[in-house]
Amino acid sequence: MRMNLNTPLPLNVQELRQKLGPKTSAPQGQDLARIRQVAQEFESLLMERMVREMRTSLPKNPLFGESQGEDMFREMLDGEYSRLMEQRGGMGLTSFLTHKLSGQISHK
């Protein structure tokens, strides 16, 4: 369903239910697999950003100088950490988003 973003938001639940219409059937097969894949990618990117931000809170090591090679290695390492965390269950965001985006939640 395509919504016009210029229309005002409904003021109550009944108006919202009228705008949404009846609950559609949940996607299946390839659609559900694509939703899950996108949710996994999003969770992985989010965790990579979190790992990168956490790394900025660590003090710099004065023993070794900063270099482009070290920066590239840290970026790749952060990406690998996030992929491993996501493969081991992550934060549960993938299953939540898959459930939410597949329309399995009723409009109540």
N, C-alpha and C. Protein backbone atom coordinates (compact mmCIF):
# COMPACT_ATOMS: atom_id res chain seq x y z
N MET A 1 0.84 -1.17 0.00
CA MET A 1 0.00 0.00 0.00
C MET A 1 0.89 1.24 0.00
N ARG A 2 0.57 2.18 -0.83
CA ARG A 2 1.35 3.42 -0.93
C ARG A 2 0.60 4.52 -0.20
N MET A 3 1.29 5.18 0.73
CA MET A 3 0.66 6.25 1.50
C MET A 3 1.17 7.60 1.04
N ASN A 4 0.29 8.56 1.04
CA ASN A 4 0.67 9.93 0.72
C ASN A 4 1.23 10.56 1.98
N LEU A 5 2.47 11.02 1.92
CA LEU A 5 3.12 11.57 3.10
C LEU A 5 2.62 12.96 3.46
N ASN A 6 1.83 13.58 2.57
CA ASN A 6 1.32 14.92 2.83
C ASN A 6 0.00 14.92 3.59
N THR A 7 -0.62 13.76 3.77
CA THR A 7 -1.88 13.70 4.50
C THR A 7 -1.60 13.74 6.00
N PRO A 8 -2.49 14.36 6.76
CA PRO A 8 -2.26 14.41 8.21
C PRO A 8 -2.42 13.02 8.83
N LEU A 9 -1.74 12.82 9.95
CA LEU A 9 -1.82 11.54 10.65
C LEU A 9 -3.19 11.38 11.29
N PRO A 10 -3.72 10.15 11.34
CA PRO A 10 -5.01 9.92 12.00
C PRO A 10 -4.91 10.25 13.48
N LEU A 11 -6.02 10.71 14.02
CA LEU A 11 -6.03 11.13 15.41
C LEU A 11 -6.32 10.01 16.38
N ASN A 12 -6.93 8.93 15.92
CA ASN A 12 -7.25 7.85 16.84
C ASN A 12 -7.04 6.49 16.18
N VAL A 13 -7.19 5.44 16.96
CA VAL A 13 -6.92 4.08 16.51
C VAL A 13 -7.89 3.65 15.41
N GLN A 14 -9.17 4.02 15.53
CA GLN A 14 -10.14 3.62 14.52
C GLN A 14 -9.79 4.21 13.16
N GLU A 15 -9.40 5.47 13.11
CA GLU A 15 -9.00 6.08 11.85
C GLU A 15 -7.76 5.40 11.28
N LEU A 16 -6.83 5.04 12.15
CA LEU A 16 -5.63 4.36 11.71
C LEU A 16 -5.96 3.01 11.11
N ARG A 17 -6.86 2.25 11.74
CA ARG A 17 -7.26 0.95 11.21
C ARG A 17 -7.94 1.09 9.85
N GLN A 18 -8.75 2.16 9.68
CA GLN A 18 -9.39 2.39 8.40
C GLN A 18 -8.36 2.67 7.31
N LYS A 19 -7.35 3.46 7.63
CA LYS A 19 -6.31 3.79 6.66
C LYS A 19 -5.49 2.55 6.28
N LEU A 20 -5.18 1.70 7.28
CA LEU A 20 -4.37 0.52 7.01
C LEU A 20 -5.13 -0.55 6.26
N GLY A 21 -6.43 -0.62 6.48
CA GLY A 21 -7.23 -1.63 5.83
C GLY A 21 -7.05 -2.98 6.50
N PRO A 22 -7.59 -4.03 5.88
CA PRO A 22 -7.45 -5.36 6.48
C PRO A 22 -6.01 -5.84 6.43
N LYS A 23 -5.70 -6.69 7.37
CA LYS A 23 -4.35 -7.26 7.44
C LYS A 23 -4.10 -8.11 6.21
N THR A 24 -2.97 -7.88 5.56
CA THR A 24 -2.63 -8.66 4.38
C THR A 24 -1.97 -9.96 4.80
N SER A 25 -1.96 -10.92 3.89
CA SER A 25 -1.32 -12.19 4.22
C SER A 25 0.19 -12.00 4.31
N ALA A 26 0.80 -12.79 5.13
CA ALA A 26 2.24 -12.70 5.35
C ALA A 26 2.99 -13.16 4.10
N PRO A 27 4.12 -12.50 3.78
CA PRO A 27 4.91 -12.94 2.64
C PRO A 27 5.47 -14.34 2.87
N GLN A 28 5.69 -15.05 1.77
CA GLN A 28 6.20 -16.40 1.90
C GLN A 28 7.31 -16.62 0.90
N GLY A 29 8.05 -17.70 1.08
CA GLY A 29 9.07 -18.12 0.14
C GLY A 29 10.19 -17.10 -0.03
N GLN A 30 10.37 -16.67 -1.29
CA GLN A 30 11.46 -15.77 -1.61
C GLN A 30 11.31 -14.41 -0.94
N ASP A 31 10.08 -13.92 -0.81
CA ASP A 31 9.87 -12.63 -0.16
C ASP A 31 10.31 -12.67 1.29
N LEU A 32 9.95 -13.72 1.99
CA LEU A 32 10.33 -13.85 3.40
C LEU A 32 11.85 -14.02 3.53
N ALA A 33 12.45 -14.77 2.62
CA ALA A 33 13.91 -14.95 2.64
C ALA A 33 14.61 -13.61 2.39
N ARG A 34 14.07 -12.80 1.49
CA ARG A 34 14.67 -11.49 1.19
C ARG A 34 14.53 -10.55 2.39
N ILE A 35 13.39 -10.58 3.04
CA ILE A 35 13.19 -9.75 4.23
C ILE A 35 14.20 -10.14 5.30
N ARG A 36 14.38 -11.43 5.50
CA ARG A 36 15.35 -11.91 6.51
C ARG A 36 16.77 -11.50 6.14
N GLN A 37 17.12 -11.60 4.86
CA GLN A 37 18.47 -11.23 4.42
C GLN A 37 18.73 -9.74 4.67
N VAL A 38 17.77 -8.90 4.34
CA VAL A 38 17.93 -7.46 4.55
C VAL A 38 18.02 -7.15 6.04
N ALA A 39 17.22 -7.82 6.84
CA ALA A 39 17.27 -7.61 8.29
C ALA A 39 18.62 -8.03 8.86
N GLN A 40 19.19 -9.14 8.36
CA GLN A 40 20.52 -9.57 8.82
C GLN A 40 21.59 -8.56 8.43
N GLU A 41 21.51 -8.05 7.20
CA GLU A 41 22.48 -7.05 6.76
C GLU A 41 22.38 -5.78 7.61
N PHE A 42 21.15 -5.38 7.92
CA PHE A 42 20.97 -4.18 8.74
C PHE A 42 21.55 -4.39 10.14
N GLU A 43 21.27 -5.54 10.74
CA GLU A 43 21.79 -5.82 12.07
C GLU A 43 23.32 -5.86 12.06
N SER A 44 23.90 -6.45 11.02
CA SER A 44 25.35 -6.52 10.90
C SER A 44 25.95 -5.12 10.79
N LEU A 45 25.34 -4.26 9.97
CA LEU A 45 25.84 -2.89 9.83
C LEU A 45 25.72 -2.11 11.13
N LEU A 46 24.60 -2.30 11.83
CA LEU A 46 24.40 -1.62 13.10
C LEU A 46 25.44 -2.05 14.12
N MET A 47 25.70 -3.36 14.19
CA MET A 47 26.70 -3.85 15.15
C MET A 47 28.10 -3.39 14.77
N GLU A 48 28.39 -3.32 13.46
CA GLU A 48 29.70 -2.83 13.03
C GLU A 48 29.89 -1.38 13.48
N ARG A 49 28.85 -0.58 13.34
CA ARG A 49 28.92 0.83 13.77
C ARG A 49 29.10 0.90 15.29
N MET A 50 28.42 0.04 16.03
CA MET A 50 28.56 0.04 17.48
C MET A 50 29.98 -0.34 17.90
N VAL A 51 30.55 -1.37 17.24
CA VAL A 51 31.91 -1.79 17.56
C VAL A 51 32.89 -0.66 17.26
N ARG A 52 32.69 0.00 16.13
CA ARG A 52 33.57 1.11 15.75
C ARG A 52 33.49 2.25 16.78
N GLU A 53 32.29 2.56 17.22
CA GLU A 53 32.12 3.63 18.22
C GLU A 53 32.72 3.22 19.56
N MET A 54 32.58 1.95 19.92
CA MET A 54 33.17 1.49 21.19
C MET A 54 34.70 1.58 21.13
N ARG A 55 35.26 1.30 19.95
CA ARG A 55 36.71 1.37 19.80
C ARG A 55 37.23 2.80 20.02
N THR A 56 36.44 3.79 19.66
CA THR A 56 36.88 5.18 19.83
C THR A 56 37.01 5.55 21.31
N SER A 57 36.36 4.80 22.18
CA SER A 57 36.44 5.10 23.61
C SER A 57 37.73 4.56 24.24
N LEU A 58 38.47 3.71 23.52
CA LEU A 58 39.71 3.15 24.04
C LEU A 58 40.85 4.16 23.89
N PRO A 59 41.77 4.18 24.85
CA PRO A 59 42.91 5.10 24.71
C PRO A 59 43.83 4.65 23.58
N LYS A 60 44.48 5.62 22.96
CA LYS A 60 45.43 5.32 21.88
C LYS A 60 46.69 4.71 22.47
N ASN A 61 47.31 3.82 21.72
CA ASN A 61 48.54 3.19 22.15
C ASN A 61 49.72 4.06 21.71
N PRO A 62 50.44 4.67 22.64
CA PRO A 62 51.53 5.56 22.25
C PRO A 62 52.76 4.81 21.73
N LEU A 63 52.81 3.51 21.94
CA LEU A 63 53.96 2.72 21.51
C LEU A 63 54.06 2.64 19.99
N PHE A 64 52.91 2.49 19.34
CA PHE A 64 52.88 2.39 17.88
C PHE A 64 52.21 3.63 17.31
N GLY A 65 52.72 4.12 16.21
CA GLY A 65 52.12 5.27 15.55
C GLY A 65 50.88 4.87 14.76
N GLU A 66 50.07 5.83 14.45
CA GLU A 66 48.89 5.60 13.64
C GLU A 66 49.31 5.54 12.17
N SER A 67 48.73 4.62 11.42
CA SER A 67 49.03 4.53 10.00
C SER A 67 47.76 4.16 9.25
N GLN A 68 47.79 4.36 7.92
CA GLN A 68 46.64 4.01 7.11
C GLN A 68 46.40 2.50 7.14
N GLY A 69 47.47 1.74 7.16
CA GLY A 69 47.34 0.28 7.22
C GLY A 69 46.65 -0.17 8.49
N GLU A 70 47.01 0.44 9.60
CA GLU A 70 46.38 0.09 10.87
C GLU A 70 44.91 0.47 10.87
N ASP A 71 44.59 1.63 10.31
CA ASP A 71 43.19 2.05 10.22
C ASP A 71 42.37 1.07 9.37
N MET A 72 42.94 0.65 8.23
CA MET A 72 42.24 -0.29 7.36
C MET A 72 42.04 -1.63 8.07
N PHE A 73 43.08 -2.09 8.78
CA PHE A 73 42.98 -3.34 9.50
C PHE A 73 41.90 -3.26 10.57
N ARG A 74 41.84 -2.16 11.30
CA ARG A 74 40.82 -2.01 12.35
C ARG A 74 39.42 -2.01 11.76
N GLU A 75 39.23 -1.34 10.60
CA GLU A 75 37.92 -1.34 9.96
C GLU A 75 37.50 -2.75 9.56
N MET A 76 38.44 -3.49 8.97
CA MET A 76 38.12 -4.87 8.57
C MET A 76 37.86 -5.74 9.79
N LEU A 77 38.63 -5.54 10.85
CA LEU A 77 38.45 -6.31 12.08
C LEU A 77 37.09 -6.01 12.70
N ASP A 78 36.70 -4.75 12.74
CA ASP A 78 35.39 -4.38 13.27
C ASP A 78 34.27 -5.03 12.45
N GLY A 79 34.43 -5.04 11.13
CA GLY A 79 33.43 -5.68 10.27
C GLY A 79 33.34 -7.18 10.54
N GLU A 80 34.48 -7.80 10.73
CA GLU A 80 34.49 -9.24 11.00
C GLU A 80 33.89 -9.54 12.37
N TYR A 81 34.21 -8.73 13.37
CA TYR A 81 33.60 -8.90 14.69
C TYR A 81 32.07 -8.82 14.59
N SER A 82 31.58 -7.83 13.86
CA SER A 82 30.13 -7.66 13.76
C SER A 82 29.48 -8.83 13.03
N ARG A 83 30.11 -9.34 11.98
CA ARG A 83 29.56 -10.50 11.26
C ARG A 83 29.53 -11.73 12.16
N LEU A 84 30.59 -11.94 12.94
CA LEU A 84 30.62 -13.08 13.85
C LEU A 84 29.55 -12.97 14.93
N MET A 85 29.37 -11.76 15.47
CA MET A 85 28.33 -11.56 16.50
C MET A 85 26.96 -11.82 15.91
N GLU A 86 26.73 -11.37 14.68
CA GLU A 86 25.43 -11.56 14.04
C GLU A 86 25.19 -13.04 13.77
N GLN A 87 26.22 -13.78 13.35
CA GLN A 87 26.07 -15.21 13.09
C GLN A 87 25.77 -15.98 14.37
N ARG A 88 26.22 -15.49 15.49
CA ARG A 88 25.99 -16.18 16.77
C ARG A 88 24.73 -15.70 17.48
N GLY A 89 23.87 -15.05 16.75
CA GLY A 89 22.59 -14.64 17.32
C GLY A 89 22.42 -13.15 17.44
N GLY A 90 23.50 -12.41 17.42
CA GLY A 90 23.42 -10.96 17.47
C GLY A 90 22.62 -10.44 18.64
N MET A 91 21.85 -9.41 18.37
CA MET A 91 21.05 -8.77 19.41
C MET A 91 19.58 -9.19 19.32
N GLY A 92 19.25 -10.03 18.36
CA GLY A 92 17.87 -10.43 18.17
C GLY A 92 17.11 -9.49 17.26
N LEU A 93 17.81 -8.52 16.69
CA LEU A 93 17.17 -7.54 15.83
C LEU A 93 16.69 -8.17 14.52
N THR A 94 17.44 -9.14 14.00
CA THR A 94 17.06 -9.80 12.75
C THR A 94 15.70 -10.46 12.87
N SER A 95 15.51 -11.26 13.92
CA SER A 95 14.23 -11.95 14.07
C SER A 95 13.10 -10.96 14.34
N PHE A 96 13.38 -9.91 15.12
CA PHE A 96 12.35 -8.90 15.39
C PHE A 96 11.92 -8.21 14.10
N LEU A 97 12.90 -7.75 13.30
CA LEU A 97 12.57 -7.05 12.06
C LEU A 97 11.88 -7.96 11.06
N THR A 98 12.34 -9.20 10.97
CA THR A 98 11.71 -10.15 10.06
C THR A 98 10.26 -10.37 10.44
N HIS A 99 10.02 -10.54 11.72
CA HIS A 99 8.66 -10.74 12.23
C HIS A 99 7.80 -9.51 11.96
N LYS A 100 8.35 -8.34 12.23
CA LYS A 100 7.60 -7.09 12.07
C LYS A 100 7.33 -6.78 10.60
N LEU A 101 8.35 -6.93 9.75
CA LEU A 101 8.20 -6.58 8.34
C LEU A 101 7.41 -7.59 7.53
N SER A 102 7.33 -8.81 8.02
CA SER A 102 6.57 -9.82 7.28
C SER A 102 5.08 -9.70 7.52
N GLY A 103 4.66 -8.78 8.39
CA GLY A 103 3.23 -8.55 8.59
C GLY A 103 2.59 -9.53 9.53
N GLN A 104 3.39 -10.20 10.36
CA GLN A 104 2.83 -11.19 11.27
C GLN A 104 2.25 -10.55 12.53
N ILE A 105 2.44 -9.26 12.69
CA ILE A 105 1.85 -8.53 13.81
C ILE A 105 0.55 -7.91 13.33
N SER A 106 -0.53 -8.14 14.05
CA SER A 106 -1.81 -7.57 13.64
C SER A 106 -1.83 -6.07 13.91
N HIS A 107 -2.76 -5.39 13.29
CA HIS A 107 -2.88 -3.92 13.41
C HIS A 107 -3.76 -3.55 14.60
N LYS A 108 -3.54 -4.13 15.75
CA LYS A 108 -4.35 -3.84 16.94
C LYS A 108 -3.71 -2.78 17.76
